[in-house]
């Protein structure tokens, strides 16, 4: 299952499906931003 920018998924680690960069959300209200490395918007739970 993949997740996209803007979704509020809760705390946790997410991995960019394009480049593998890790992204961490610290708050339950945080929305997924674009990947800091490649700017793509598709992630999986890590």
N, C-alpha and C. Protein backbone atom coordinates (compact mmCIF):
# COMPACT_ATOMS: atom_id res chain seq x y z
N UNK A 1 0.85 -1.18 0.00
CA UNK A 1 0.00 0.00 0.00
C UNK A 1 0.90 1.24 0.00
N UNK A 2 0.52 2.23 -0.78
CA UNK A 2 1.32 3.45 -0.83
C UNK A 2 0.51 4.63 -0.31
N UNK A 3 1.24 5.63 0.16
CA UNK A 3 0.65 6.84 0.72
C UNK A 3 1.17 8.04 -0.06
N UNK A 4 0.41 9.12 -0.06
CA UNK A 4 0.75 10.28 -0.89
C UNK A 4 0.81 11.57 -0.08
N UNK A 5 1.50 12.56 -0.61
CA UNK A 5 1.65 13.87 0.04
C UNK A 5 0.28 14.40 0.47
N UNK A 6 0.28 15.00 1.64
CA UNK A 6 -0.94 15.60 2.16
C UNK A 6 -1.73 14.69 3.08
N UNK A 7 -1.48 13.39 3.03
CA UNK A 7 -2.20 12.46 3.90
C UNK A 7 -1.68 12.59 5.32
N UNK A 8 -2.59 12.52 6.29
CA UNK A 8 -2.23 12.57 7.71
C UNK A 8 -2.29 11.15 8.24
N UNK A 9 -1.13 10.55 8.38
CA UNK A 9 -1.04 9.12 8.69
C UNK A 9 -0.62 8.83 10.12
N UNK A 10 -0.25 9.84 10.86
CA UNK A 10 0.20 9.63 12.23
C UNK A 10 1.70 9.47 12.32
N UNK A 11 2.17 9.38 13.56
CA UNK A 11 3.61 9.27 13.81
C UNK A 11 4.18 8.03 13.16
N UNK A 12 5.44 8.14 12.74
CA UNK A 12 6.11 6.97 12.21
C UNK A 12 7.10 7.27 11.12
N UNK A 13 7.68 6.18 10.60
CA UNK A 13 8.69 6.27 9.54
C UNK A 13 8.02 5.90 8.22
N UNK A 14 8.32 6.69 7.20
CA UNK A 14 7.81 6.45 5.86
C UNK A 14 8.99 6.48 4.91
N UNK A 15 8.94 5.67 3.85
CA UNK A 15 10.05 5.53 2.91
C UNK A 15 9.57 5.90 1.52
N UNK A 16 10.30 6.78 0.87
CA UNK A 16 9.97 7.21 -0.49
C UNK A 16 10.10 6.03 -1.44
N UNK A 17 9.07 5.80 -2.25
CA UNK A 17 9.10 4.69 -3.20
C UNK A 17 10.00 4.99 -4.40
N UNK A 18 10.32 6.26 -4.64
CA UNK A 18 11.16 6.61 -5.77
C UNK A 18 12.65 6.46 -5.45
N UNK A 19 13.09 7.02 -4.31
CA UNK A 19 14.53 7.04 -4.02
C UNK A 19 14.94 6.33 -2.73
N UNK A 20 13.97 5.92 -1.90
CA UNK A 20 14.30 5.21 -0.67
C UNK A 20 14.62 6.08 0.52
N UNK A 21 14.49 7.39 0.38
CA UNK A 21 14.77 8.32 1.47
C UNK A 21 13.77 8.10 2.62
N UNK A 22 14.29 8.15 3.87
CA UNK A 22 13.44 8.03 5.05
C UNK A 22 12.81 9.37 5.40
N UNK A 23 11.58 9.31 5.86
CA UNK A 23 10.87 10.49 6.33
C UNK A 23 10.21 10.11 7.64
N UNK A 24 10.32 10.96 8.65
CA UNK A 24 9.73 10.68 9.94
C UNK A 24 8.69 11.74 10.27
N UNK A 25 7.49 11.30 10.65
CA UNK A 25 6.46 12.22 11.13
C UNK A 25 6.45 12.12 12.64
N UNK A 26 6.50 13.28 13.31
CA UNK A 26 6.61 13.32 14.77
C UNK A 26 5.27 13.51 15.47
N UNK A 27 4.28 14.01 14.77
CA UNK A 27 2.97 14.30 15.37
C UNK A 27 1.87 13.59 14.60
N UNK A 28 0.80 13.22 15.29
CA UNK A 28 -0.33 12.56 14.63
C UNK A 28 -1.03 13.48 13.64
N UNK A 29 -0.84 14.78 13.78
CA UNK A 29 -1.51 15.74 12.89
C UNK A 29 -0.64 16.17 11.71
N UNK A 30 0.62 15.67 11.64
CA UNK A 30 1.51 16.02 10.53
C UNK A 30 1.04 15.37 9.23
N UNK A 31 1.10 16.12 8.15
CA UNK A 31 0.78 15.58 6.82
C UNK A 31 2.08 15.24 6.10
N UNK A 32 2.03 14.22 5.25
CA UNK A 32 3.22 13.83 4.48
C UNK A 32 3.62 14.95 3.53
N UNK A 33 4.86 15.43 3.62
CA UNK A 33 5.37 16.41 2.66
C UNK A 33 6.01 15.69 1.48
N UNK A 34 6.36 16.40 0.43
CA UNK A 34 7.13 15.76 -0.65
C UNK A 34 8.48 15.29 -0.11
N UNK A 35 9.06 14.31 -0.73
CA UNK A 35 10.37 13.80 -0.34
C UNK A 35 11.41 14.92 -0.40
N UNK A 36 12.20 15.03 0.66
CA UNK A 36 13.22 16.08 0.72
C UNK A 36 14.32 15.87 -0.32
N UNK A 37 14.55 14.63 -0.73
CA UNK A 37 15.63 14.31 -1.66
C UNK A 37 15.20 14.44 -3.13
N UNK A 38 14.06 13.82 -3.49
CA UNK A 38 13.69 13.78 -4.91
C UNK A 38 12.39 14.52 -5.24
N UNK A 39 11.70 15.00 -4.20
CA UNK A 39 10.45 15.78 -4.36
C UNK A 39 9.26 14.98 -4.85
N UNK A 40 9.36 13.65 -4.88
CA UNK A 40 8.22 12.80 -5.26
C UNK A 40 7.26 12.69 -4.08
N UNK A 41 6.08 12.16 -4.32
CA UNK A 41 5.02 12.15 -3.31
C UNK A 41 4.40 10.77 -3.06
N UNK A 42 5.18 9.71 -3.20
CA UNK A 42 4.64 8.38 -2.94
C UNK A 42 5.54 7.65 -1.94
N UNK A 43 4.93 7.18 -0.85
CA UNK A 43 5.67 6.57 0.25
C UNK A 43 5.04 5.25 0.67
N UNK A 44 5.83 4.46 1.40
CA UNK A 44 5.30 3.29 2.07
C UNK A 44 5.65 3.40 3.55
N UNK A 45 4.90 2.71 4.38
CA UNK A 45 5.20 2.71 5.83
C UNK A 45 6.51 1.96 6.02
N UNK A 46 7.39 2.52 6.85
CA UNK A 46 8.71 1.92 7.03
C UNK A 46 8.93 1.24 8.26
